[in-house]
Amino acid sequence: MNKKVIDIGTDHGLVPLYLAKNNIS
């Protein structure tokens, strides 16, 4: 929780979207 996350090669952005929607980052 609450890490600054860099998603390399994000493609469709599923990882950032999940992390944001679930208040993980």
mmCIF file of all heavy atoms, coordinates in Angstrom:
data_MODEL
# 
_entry.id   MODEL 
# 
loop_
_atom_site.group_PDB 
_atom_site.id 
_atom_site.type_symbol 
_atom_site.label_atom_id 
_atom_site.label_alt_id 
_atom_site.label_comp_id 
_atom_site.label_asym_id 
_atom_site.label_entity_id 
_atom_site.label_seq_id 
_atom_site.pdbx_PDB_ins_code 
_atom_site.Cartn_x 
_atom_site.Cartn_y 
_atom_site.Cartn_z 
_atom_site.occupancy 
_atom_site.B_iso_or_equiv 
_atom_site.pdbx_formal_charge 
_atom_site.auth_seq_id 
_atom_site.auth_comp_id 
_atom_site.auth_asym_id 
_atom_site.auth_atom_id 
_atom_site.pdbx_PDB_model_num 
ATOM 1   N N   . MET A 1 1  ? 0.824   -1.212 0.000   1.00 0.00 ? 1  MET A N   1 
ATOM 2   C CA  . MET A 1 1  ? 0.000   0.000  0.000   1.00 0.00 ? 1  MET A CA  1 
ATOM 3   C C   . MET A 1 1  ? 0.861   1.266  0.000   1.00 0.00 ? 1  MET A C   1 
ATOM 4   O O   . MET A 1 1  ? 1.918   1.323  0.620   1.00 0.00 ? 1  MET A O   1 
ATOM 5   C CB  . MET A 1 1  ? -0.902  0.025  1.242   1.00 0.00 ? 1  MET A CB  1 
ATOM 6   C CG  . MET A 1 1  ? -1.943  -1.090 1.289   1.00 0.00 ? 1  MET A CG  1 
ATOM 7   S SD  . MET A 1 1  ? -3.264  -0.864 0.085   1.00 0.00 ? 1  MET A SD  1 
ATOM 8   C CE  . MET A 1 1  ? -4.090  0.592  0.743   1.00 0.00 ? 1  MET A CE  1 
ATOM 9   N N   . ASN A 1 2  ? 0.368   2.276  -0.723  1.00 0.00 ? 2  ASN A N   1 
ATOM 10  C CA  . ASN A 1 2  ? 0.913   3.638  -0.706  1.00 0.00 ? 2  ASN A CA  1 
ATOM 11  C C   . ASN A 1 2  ? 2.339   3.764  -1.247  1.00 0.00 ? 2  ASN A C   1 
ATOM 12  O O   . ASN A 1 2  ? 3.083   4.658  -0.861  1.00 0.00 ? 2  ASN A O   1 
ATOM 13  C CB  . ASN A 1 2  ? 0.853   4.213  0.714   1.00 0.00 ? 2  ASN A CB  1 
ATOM 14  C CG  . ASN A 1 2  ? -0.577  4.310  1.220   1.00 0.00 ? 2  ASN A CG  1 
ATOM 15  O OD1 . ASN A 1 2  ? -1.479  4.707  0.479   1.00 0.00 ? 2  ASN A OD1 1 
ATOM 16  N ND2 . ASN A 1 2  ? -0.799  3.911  2.466   1.00 0.00 ? 2  ASN A ND2 1 
ATOM 17  N N   . LYS A 1 3  ? 2.700   2.885  -2.159  1.00 0.00 ? 3  LYS A N   1 
ATOM 18  C CA  . LYS A 1 3  ? 3.971   3.030  -2.860  1.00 0.00 ? 3  LYS A CA  1 
ATOM 19  C C   . LYS A 1 3  ? 3.775   3.904  -4.111  1.00 0.00 ? 3  LYS A C   1 
ATOM 20  O O   . LYS A 1 3  ? 2.686   3.957  -4.680  1.00 0.00 ? 3  LYS A O   1 
ATOM 21  C CB  . LYS A 1 3  ? 4.507   1.657  -3.285  1.00 0.00 ? 3  LYS A CB  1 
ATOM 22  C CG  . LYS A 1 3  ? 4.980   0.778  -2.135  1.00 0.00 ? 3  LYS A CG  1 
ATOM 23  C CD  . LYS A 1 3  ? 6.227   1.327  -1.493  1.00 0.00 ? 3  LYS A CD  1 
ATOM 24  C CE  . LYS A 1 3  ? 6.761   0.399  -0.408  1.00 0.00 ? 3  LYS A CE  1 
ATOM 25  N NZ  . LYS A 1 3  ? 7.970   0.948  0.242   1.00 0.00 ? 3  LYS A NZ  1 
ATOM 26  N N   . LYS A 1 4  ? 4.836   4.581  -4.517  1.00 0.00 ? 4  LYS A N   1 
ATOM 27  C CA  . LYS A 1 4  ? 4.836   5.271  -5.806  1.00 0.00 ? 4  LYS A CA  1 
ATOM 28  C C   . LYS A 1 4  ? 5.207   4.223  -6.856  1.00 0.00 ? 4  LYS A C   1 
ATOM 29  O O   . LYS A 1 4  ? 6.306   3.665  -6.807  1.00 0.00 ? 4  LYS A O   1 
ATOM 30  C CB  . LYS A 1 4  ? 5.852   6.411  -5.803  1.00 0.00 ? 4  LYS A CB  1 
ATOM 31  C CG  . LYS A 1 4  ? 5.522   7.508  -4.801  1.00 0.00 ? 4  LYS A CG  1 
ATOM 32  C CD  . LYS A 1 4  ? 6.608   8.577  -4.782  1.00 0.00 ? 4  LYS A CD  1 
ATOM 33  C CE  . LYS A 1 4  ? 6.290   9.654  -3.753  1.00 0.00 ? 4  LYS A CE  1 
ATOM 34  N NZ  . LYS A 1 4  ? 7.364   10.676 -3.671  1.00 0.00 ? 4  LYS A NZ  1 
ATOM 35  N N   . VAL A 1 5  ? 4.290   3.957  -7.768  1.00 0.00 ? 5  VAL A N   1 
ATOM 36  C CA  . VAL A 1 5  ? 4.447   2.830  -8.680  1.00 0.00 ? 5  VAL A CA  1 
ATOM 37  C C   . VAL A 1 5  ? 4.761   3.284  -10.099 1.00 0.00 ? 5  VAL A C   1 
ATOM 38  O O   . VAL A 1 5  ? 4.079   4.154  -10.653 1.00 0.00 ? 5  VAL A O   1 
ATOM 39  C CB  . VAL A 1 5  ? 3.166   1.963  -8.698  1.00 0.00 ? 5  VAL A CB  1 
ATOM 40  C CG1 . VAL A 1 5  ? 3.343   0.769  -9.641  1.00 0.00 ? 5  VAL A CG1 1 
ATOM 41  C CG2 . VAL A 1 5  ? 2.809   1.477  -7.294  1.00 0.00 ? 5  VAL A CG2 1 
ATOM 42  N N   . ILE A 1 6  ? 5.796   2.677  -10.684 1.00 0.00 ? 6  ILE A N   1 
ATOM 43  C CA  . ILE A 1 6  ? 6.094   2.862  -12.104 1.00 0.00 ? 6  ILE A CA  1 
ATOM 44  C C   . ILE A 1 6  ? 5.736   1.564  -12.809 1.00 0.00 ? 6  ILE A C   1 
ATOM 45  O O   . ILE A 1 6  ? 6.273   0.506  -12.480 1.00 0.00 ? 6  ILE A O   1 
ATOM 46  C CB  . ILE A 1 6  ? 7.590   3.167  -12.334 1.00 0.00 ? 6  ILE A CB  1 
ATOM 47  C CG1 . ILE A 1 6  ? 8.067   4.334  -11.475 1.00 0.00 ? 6  ILE A CG1 1 
ATOM 48  C CG2 . ILE A 1 6  ? 7.851   3.446  -13.811 1.00 0.00 ? 6  ILE A CG2 1 
ATOM 49  C CD1 . ILE A 1 6  ? 9.581   4.468  -11.433 1.00 0.00 ? 6  ILE A CD1 1 
ATOM 50  N N   . ASP A 1 7  ? 4.824   1.645  -13.753 1.00 0.00 ? 7  ASP A N   1 
ATOM 51  C CA  . ASP A 1 7  ? 4.452   0.471  -14.539 1.00 0.00 ? 7  ASP A CA  1 
ATOM 52  C C   . ASP A 1 7  ? 5.100   0.588  -15.913 1.00 0.00 ? 7  ASP A C   1 
ATOM 53  O O   . ASP A 1 7  ? 4.676   1.382  -16.748 1.00 0.00 ? 7  ASP A O   1 
ATOM 54  C CB  . ASP A 1 7  ? 2.929   0.363  -14.657 1.00 0.00 ? 7  ASP A CB  1 
ATOM 55  C CG  . ASP A 1 7  ? 2.497   -0.886 -15.405 1.00 0.00 ? 7  ASP A CG  1 
ATOM 56  O OD1 . ASP A 1 7  ? 3.193   -1.921 -15.277 1.00 0.00 ? 7  ASP A OD1 1 
ATOM 57  O OD2 . ASP A 1 7  ? 1.473   -0.843 -16.117 1.00 0.00 ? 7  ASP A OD2 1 
ATOM 58  N N   . ILE A 1 8  ? 6.139   -0.215 -16.126 1.00 0.00 ? 8  ILE A N   1 
ATOM 59  C CA  . ILE A 1 8  ? 6.905   -0.152 -17.370 1.00 0.00 ? 8  ILE A CA  1 
ATOM 60  C C   . ILE A 1 8  ? 6.217   -0.995 -18.450 1.00 0.00 ? 8  ILE A C   1 
ATOM 61  O O   . ILE A 1 8  ? 5.915   -2.158 -18.235 1.00 0.00 ? 8  ILE A O   1 
ATOM 62  C CB  . ILE A 1 8  ? 8.344   -0.665 -17.146 1.00 0.00 ? 8  ILE A CB  1 
ATOM 63  C CG1 . ILE A 1 8  ? 9.071   0.193  -16.093 1.00 0.00 ? 8  ILE A CG1 1 
ATOM 64  C CG2 . ILE A 1 8  ? 9.115   -0.690 -18.455 1.00 0.00 ? 8  ILE A CG2 1 
ATOM 65  C CD1 . ILE A 1 8  ? 9.334   1.610  -16.514 1.00 0.00 ? 8  ILE A CD1 1 
ATOM 66  N N   . GLY A 1 9  ? 6.001   -0.401 -19.619 1.00 0.00 ? 9  GLY A N   1 
ATOM 67  C CA  . GLY A 1 9  ? 5.331   -1.111 -20.694 1.00 0.00 ? 9  GLY A CA  1 
ATOM 68  C C   . GLY A 1 9  ? 3.886   -1.392 -20.350 1.00 0.00 ? 9  GLY A C   1 
ATOM 69  O O   . GLY A 1 9  ? 3.414   -2.522 -20.409 1.00 0.00 ? 9  GLY A O   1 
ATOM 70  N N   . THR A 1 10 ? 3.159   -0.361 -19.992 1.00 0.00 ? 10 THR A N   1 
ATOM 71  C CA  . THR A 1 10 ? 1.827   -0.507 -19.390 1.00 0.00 ? 10 THR A CA  1 
ATOM 72  C C   . THR A 1 10 ? 0.780   -1.100 -20.328 1.00 0.00 ? 10 THR A C   1 
ATOM 73  O O   . THR A 1 10 ? -0.202  -1.666 -19.883 1.00 0.00 ? 10 THR A O   1 
ATOM 74  C CB  . THR A 1 10 ? 1.352   0.864  -18.863 1.00 0.00 ? 10 THR A CB  1 
ATOM 75  O OG1 . THR A 1 10 ? 0.239   0.665  -18.007 1.00 0.00 ? 10 THR A OG1 1 
ATOM 76  C CG2 . THR A 1 10 ? 0.981   1.798  -20.005 1.00 0.00 ? 10 THR A CG2 1 
ATOM 77  N N   . ASP A 1 11 ? 0.972   -0.947 -21.631 1.00 0.00 ? 11 ASP A N   1 
ATOM 78  C CA  . ASP A 1 11 ? 0.048   -1.474 -22.642 1.00 0.00 ? 11 ASP A CA  1 
ATOM 79  C C   . ASP A 1 11 ? -1.373  -0.939 -22.432 1.00 0.00 ? 11 ASP A C   1 
ATOM 80  O O   . ASP A 1 11 ? -1.610  0.247  -22.595 1.00 0.00 ? 11 ASP A O   1 
ATOM 81  C CB  . ASP A 1 11 ? 0.076   -3.003 -22.642 1.00 0.00 ? 11 ASP A CB  1 
ATOM 82  C CG  . ASP A 1 11 ? -0.547  -3.591 -23.909 1.00 0.00 ? 11 ASP A CG  1 
ATOM 83  O OD1 . ASP A 1 11 ? -0.619  -2.873 -24.928 1.00 0.00 ? 11 ASP A OD1 1 
ATOM 84  O OD2 . ASP A 1 11 ? -0.969  -4.753 -23.875 1.00 0.00 ? 11 ASP A OD2 1 
ATOM 85  N N   . HIS A 1 12 ? -2.319  -1.766 -22.020 1.00 0.00 ? 12 HIS A N   1 
ATOM 86  C CA  . HIS A 1 12 ? -3.709  -1.328 -21.865 1.00 0.00 ? 12 HIS A CA  1 
ATOM 87  C C   . HIS A 1 12 ? -3.972  -0.599 -20.540 1.00 0.00 ? 12 HIS A C   1 
ATOM 88  O O   . HIS A 1 12 ? -5.096  -0.165 -20.288 1.00 0.00 ? 12 HIS A O   1 
ATOM 89  C CB  . HIS A 1 12 ? -4.656  -2.522 -21.980 1.00 0.00 ? 12 HIS A CB  1 
ATOM 90  C CG  . HIS A 1 12 ? -4.715  -3.099 -23.361 1.00 0.00 ? 12 HIS A CG  1 
ATOM 91  N ND1 . HIS A 1 12 ? -5.497  -2.569 -24.359 1.00 0.00 ? 12 HIS A ND1 1 
ATOM 92  C CD2 . HIS A 1 12 ? -4.056  -4.143 -23.911 1.00 0.00 ? 12 HIS A CD2 1 
ATOM 93  C CE1 . HIS A 1 12 ? -5.345  -3.284 -25.466 1.00 0.00 ? 12 HIS A CE1 1 
ATOM 94  N NE2 . HIS A 1 12 ? -4.462  -4.248 -25.220 1.00 0.00 ? 12 HIS A NE2 1 
ATOM 95  N N   . GLY A 1 13 ? -2.967  -0.518 -19.675 1.00 0.00 ? 13 GLY A N   1 
ATOM 96  C CA  . GLY A 1 13 ? -3.121  0.213  -18.422 1.00 0.00 ? 13 GLY A CA  1 
ATOM 97  C C   . GLY A 1 13 ? -3.918  -0.515 -17.362 1.00 0.00 ? 13 GLY A C   1 
ATOM 98  O O   . GLY A 1 13 ? -4.436  0.118  -16.435 1.00 0.00 ? 13 GLY A O   1 
ATOM 99  N N   . LEU A 1 14 ? -4.003  -1.838 -17.450 1.00 0.00 ? 14 LEU A N   1 
ATOM 100 C CA  . LEU A 1 14 ? -4.779  -2.601 -16.472 1.00 0.00 ? 14 LEU A CA  1 
ATOM 101 C C   . LEU A 1 14 ? -4.181  -2.511 -15.075 1.00 0.00 ? 14 LEU A C   1 
ATOM 102 O O   . LEU A 1 14 ? -4.903  -2.410 -14.084 1.00 0.00 ? 14 LEU A O   1 
ATOM 103 C CB  . LEU A 1 14 ? -4.879  -4.074 -16.903 1.00 0.00 ? 14 LEU A CB  1 
ATOM 104 C CG  . LEU A 1 14 ? -5.677  -4.361 -18.171 1.00 0.00 ? 14 LEU A CG  1 
ATOM 105 C CD1 . LEU A 1 14 ? -5.618  -5.855 -18.498 1.00 0.00 ? 14 LEU A CD1 1 
ATOM 106 C CD2 . LEU A 1 14 ? -7.119  -3.910 -18.012 1.00 0.00 ? 14 LEU A CD2 1 
ATOM 107 N N   . VAL A 1 15 ? -2.851  -2.543 -14.999 1.00 0.00 ? 15 VAL A N   1 
ATOM 108 C CA  . VAL A 1 15 ? -2.182  -2.486 -13.686 1.00 0.00 ? 15 VAL A CA  1 
ATOM 109 C C   . VAL A 1 15 ? -2.411  -1.142 -13.007 1.00 0.00 ? 15 VAL A C   1 
ATOM 110 O O   . VAL A 1 15 ? -2.865  -1.094 -11.853 1.00 0.00 ? 15 VAL A O   1 
ATOM 111 C CB  . VAL A 1 15 ? -0.674  -2.798 -13.837 1.00 0.00 ? 15 VAL A CB  1 
ATOM 112 C CG1 . VAL A 1 15 ? 0.091   -2.421 -12.565 1.00 0.00 ? 15 VAL A CG1 1 
ATOM 113 C CG2 . VAL A 1 15 ? -0.476  -4.283 -14.140 1.00 0.00 ? 15 VAL A CG2 1 
ATOM 114 N N   . PRO A 1 16 ? -2.133  0.003  -13.671 1.00 0.00 ? 16 PRO A N   1 
ATOM 115 C CA  . PRO A 1 16 ? -2.404  1.298  -13.028 1.00 0.00 ? 16 PRO A CA  1 
ATOM 116 C C   . PRO A 1 16 ? -3.862  1.470  -12.633 1.00 0.00 ? 16 PRO A C   1 
ATOM 117 O O   . PRO A 1 16 ? -4.162  2.000  -11.560 1.00 0.00 ? 16 PRO A O   1 
ATOM 118 C CB  . PRO A 1 16 ? -1.999  2.311  -14.104 1.00 0.00 ? 16 PRO A CB  1 
ATOM 119 C CG  . PRO A 1 16 ? -1.034  1.599  -14.952 1.00 0.00 ? 16 PRO A CG  1 
ATOM 120 C CD  . PRO A 1 16 ? -1.479  0.171  -14.973 1.00 0.00 ? 16 PRO A CD  1 
ATOM 121 N N   . LEU A 1 17 ? -4.758  1.049  -13.501 1.00 0.00 ? 17 LEU A N   1 
ATOM 122 C CA  . LEU A 1 17 ? -6.183  1.218  -13.225 1.00 0.00 ? 17 LEU A CA  1 
ATOM 123 C C   . LEU A 1 17 ? -6.601  0.424  -11.993 1.00 0.00 ? 17 LEU A C   1 
ATOM 124 O O   . LEU A 1 17 ? -7.338  0.928  -11.133 1.00 0.00 ? 17 LEU A O   1 
ATOM 125 C CB  . LEU A 1 17 ? -7.007  0.776  -14.437 1.00 0.00 ? 17 LEU A CB  1 
ATOM 126 C CG  . LEU A 1 17 ? -8.497  1.129  -14.406 1.00 0.00 ? 17 LEU A CG  1 
ATOM 127 C CD1 . LEU A 1 17 ? -8.692  2.641  -14.286 1.00 0.00 ? 17 LEU A CD1 1 
ATOM 128 C CD2 . LEU A 1 17 ? -9.187  0.605  -15.672 1.00 0.00 ? 17 LEU A CD2 1 
ATOM 129 N N   . TYR A 1 18 ? -6.123  -0.799 -11.874 1.00 0.00 ? 18 TYR A N   1 
ATOM 130 C CA  . TYR A 1 18 ? -6.450  -1.625 -10.707 1.00 0.00 ? 18 TYR A CA  1 
ATOM 131 C C   . TYR A 1 18 ? -5.900  -0.992 -9.426  1.00 0.00 ? 18 TYR A C   1 
ATOM 132 O O   . TYR A 1 18 ? -6.597  -0.915 -8.407  1.00 0.00 ? 18 TYR A O   1 
ATOM 133 C CB  . TYR A 1 18 ? -5.878  -3.034 -10.876 1.00 0.00 ? 18 TYR A CB  1 
ATOM 134 C CG  . TYR A 1 18 ? -6.138  -3.947 -9.699  1.00 0.00 ? 18 TYR A CG  1 
ATOM 135 C CD1 . TYR A 1 18 ? -7.268  -4.752 -9.668  1.00 0.00 ? 18 TYR A CD1 1 
ATOM 136 C CD2 . TYR A 1 18 ? -5.259  -4.005 -8.614  1.00 0.00 ? 18 TYR A CD2 1 
ATOM 137 C CE1 . TYR A 1 18 ? -7.517  -5.588 -8.587  1.00 0.00 ? 18 TYR A CE1 1 
ATOM 138 C CE2 . TYR A 1 18 ? -5.495  -4.829 -7.537  1.00 0.00 ? 18 TYR A CE2 1 
ATOM 139 C CZ  . TYR A 1 18 ? -6.634  -5.620 -7.527  1.00 0.00 ? 18 TYR A CZ  1 
ATOM 140 O OH  . TYR A 1 18 ? -6.879  -6.440 -6.449  1.00 0.00 ? 18 TYR A OH  1 
ATOM 141 N N   . LEU A 1 19 ? -4.651  -0.542 -9.473  1.00 0.00 ? 19 LEU A N   1 
ATOM 142 C CA  . LEU A 1 19 ? -4.021  0.047  -8.291  1.00 0.00 ? 19 LEU A CA  1 
ATOM 143 C C   . LEU A 1 19 ? -4.751  1.316  -7.850  1.00 0.00 ? 19 LEU A C   1 
ATOM 144 O O   . LEU A 1 19 ? -4.920  1.564  -6.652  1.00 0.00 ? 19 LEU A O   1 
ATOM 145 C CB  . LEU A 1 19 ? -2.553  0.365  -8.580  1.00 0.00 ? 19 LEU A CB  1 
ATOM 146 C CG  . LEU A 1 19 ? -1.631  -0.831 -8.838  1.00 0.00 ? 19 LEU A CG  1 
ATOM 147 C CD1 . LEU A 1 19 ? -0.256  -0.362 -9.278  1.00 0.00 ? 19 LEU A CD1 1 
ATOM 148 C CD2 . LEU A 1 19 ? -1.525  -1.720 -7.592  1.00 0.00 ? 19 LEU A CD2 1 
ATOM 149 N N   . ALA A 1 20 ? -5.183  2.111  -8.817  1.00 0.00 ? 20 ALA A N   1 
ATOM 150 C CA  . ALA A 1 20 ? -5.895  3.349  -8.497  1.00 0.00 ? 20 ALA A CA  1 
ATOM 151 C C   . ALA A 1 20 ? -7.301  3.061  -7.980  1.00 0.00 ? 20 ALA A C   1 
ATOM 152 O O   . ALA A 1 20 ? -7.730  3.635  -6.973  1.00 0.00 ? 20 ALA A O   1 
ATOM 153 C CB  . ALA A 1 20 ? -5.968  4.239  -9.736  1.00 0.00 ? 20 ALA A CB  1 
ATOM 154 N N   . LYS A 1 21 ? -8.017  2.190  -8.647  1.00 0.00 ? 21 LYS A N   1 
ATOM 155 C CA  . LYS A 1 21 ? -9.398  1.873  -8.257  1.00 0.00 ? 21 LYS A CA  1 
ATOM 156 C C   . LYS A 1 21 ? -9.477  1.289  -6.850  1.00 0.00 ? 21 LYS A C   1 
ATOM 157 O O   . LYS A 1 21 ? -10.450 1.522  -6.113  1.00 0.00 ? 21 LYS A O   1 
ATOM 158 C CB  . LYS A 1 21 ? -10.006 0.867  -9.234  1.00 0.00 ? 21 LYS A CB  1 
ATOM 159 C CG  . LYS A 1 21 ? -10.587 1.479  -10.499 1.00 0.00 ? 21 LYS A CG  1 
ATOM 160 C CD  . LYS A 1 21 ? -11.319 0.432  -11.314 1.00 0.00 ? 21 LYS A CD  1 
ATOM 161 C CE  . LYS A 1 21 ? -12.070 1.062  -12.476 1.00 0.00 ? 21 LYS A CE  1 
ATOM 162 N NZ  . LYS A 1 21 ? -12.839 0.057  -13.254 1.00 0.00 ? 21 LYS A NZ  1 
ATOM 163 N N   . ASN A 1 22 ? -8.453  0.521  -6.479  1.00 0.00 ? 22 ASN A N   1 
ATOM 164 C CA  . ASN A 1 22 ? -8.464  -0.143 -5.179  1.00 0.00 ? 22 ASN A CA  1 
ATOM 165 C C   . ASN A 1 22 ? -7.677  0.612  -4.102  1.00 0.00 ? 22 ASN A C   1 
ATOM 166 O O   . ASN A 1 22 ? -7.384  0.059  -3.040  1.00 0.00 ? 22 ASN A O   1 
ATOM 167 C CB  . ASN A 1 22 ? -7.920  -1.570 -5.328  1.00 0.00 ? 22 ASN A CB  1 
ATOM 168 C CG  . ASN A 1 22 ? -8.877  -2.470 -6.097  1.00 0.00 ? 22 ASN A CG  1 
ATOM 169 O OD1 . ASN A 1 22 ? -9.812  -3.022 -5.552  1.00 0.00 ? 22 ASN A OD1 1 
ATOM 170 N ND2 . ASN A 1 22 ? -8.642  -2.610 -7.403  1.00 0.00 ? 22 ASN A ND2 1 
ATOM 171 N N   . ASN A 1 23 ? -7.337  1.875  -4.399  1.00 0.00 ? 23 ASN A N   1 
ATOM 172 C CA  . ASN A 1 23 ? -6.653  2.749  -3.429  1.00 0.00 ? 23 ASN A CA  1 
ATOM 173 C C   . ASN A 1 23 ? -5.351  2.154  -2.901  1.00 0.00 ? 23 ASN A C   1 
ATOM 174 O O   . ASN A 1 23 ? -4.970  2.394  -1.757  1.00 0.00 ? 23 ASN A O   1 
ATOM 175 C CB  . ASN A 1 23 ? -7.586  3.064  -2.253  1.00 0.00 ? 23 ASN A CB  1 
ATOM 176 C CG  . ASN A 1 23 ? -8.797  3.850  -2.688  1.00 0.00 ? 23 ASN A CG  1 
ATOM 177 O OD1 . ASN A 1 23 ? -8.674  4.843  -3.412  1.00 0.00 ? 23 ASN A OD1 1 
ATOM 178 N ND2 . ASN A 1 23 ? -9.976  3.411  -2.271  1.00 0.00 ? 23 ASN A ND2 1 
ATOM 179 N N   . ILE A 1 24 ? -4.679  1.369  -3.747  1.00 0.00 ? 24 ILE A N   1 
ATOM 180 C CA  . ILE A 1 24 ? -3.400  0.782  -3.343  1.00 0.00 ? 24 ILE A CA  1 
ATOM 181 C C   . ILE A 1 24 ? -2.280  1.798  -3.512  1.00 0.00 ? 24 ILE A C   1 
ATOM 182 O O   . ILE A 1 24 ? -1.352  1.854  -2.717  1.00 0.00 ? 24 ILE A O   1 
ATOM 183 C CB  . ILE A 1 24 ? -3.125  -0.497 -4.159  1.00 0.00 ? 24 ILE A CB  1 
ATOM 184 C CG1 . ILE A 1 24 ? -4.182  -1.561 -3.836  1.00 0.00 ? 24 ILE A CG1 1 
ATOM 185 C CG2 . ILE A 1 24 ? -1.725  -1.044 -3.866  1.00 0.00 ? 24 ILE A CG2 1 
ATOM 186 C CD1 . ILE A 1 24 ? -4.150  -2.774 -4.741  1.00 0.00 ? 24 ILE A CD1 1 
ATOM 187 N N   . SER A 1 25 ? -2.385  2.623  -4.554  1.00 0.00 ? 25 SER A N   1 
ATOM 188 C CA  . SER A 1 25 ? -1.401  3.691  -4.780  1.00 0.00 ? 25 SER A CA  1 
ATOM 189 C C   . SER A 1 25 ? -2.099  4.957  -5.260  1.00 0.00 ? 25 SER A C   1 
ATOM 190 O O   . SER A 1 25 ? -3.074  4.877  -6.012  1.00 0.00 ? 25 SER A O   1 
ATOM 191 C CB  . SER A 1 25 ? -0.366  3.252  -5.825  1.00 0.00 ? 25 SER A CB  1 
ATOM 192 O OG  . SER A 1 25 ? 0.501   4.322  -6.144  1.00 0.00 ? 25 SER A OG  1 
# 
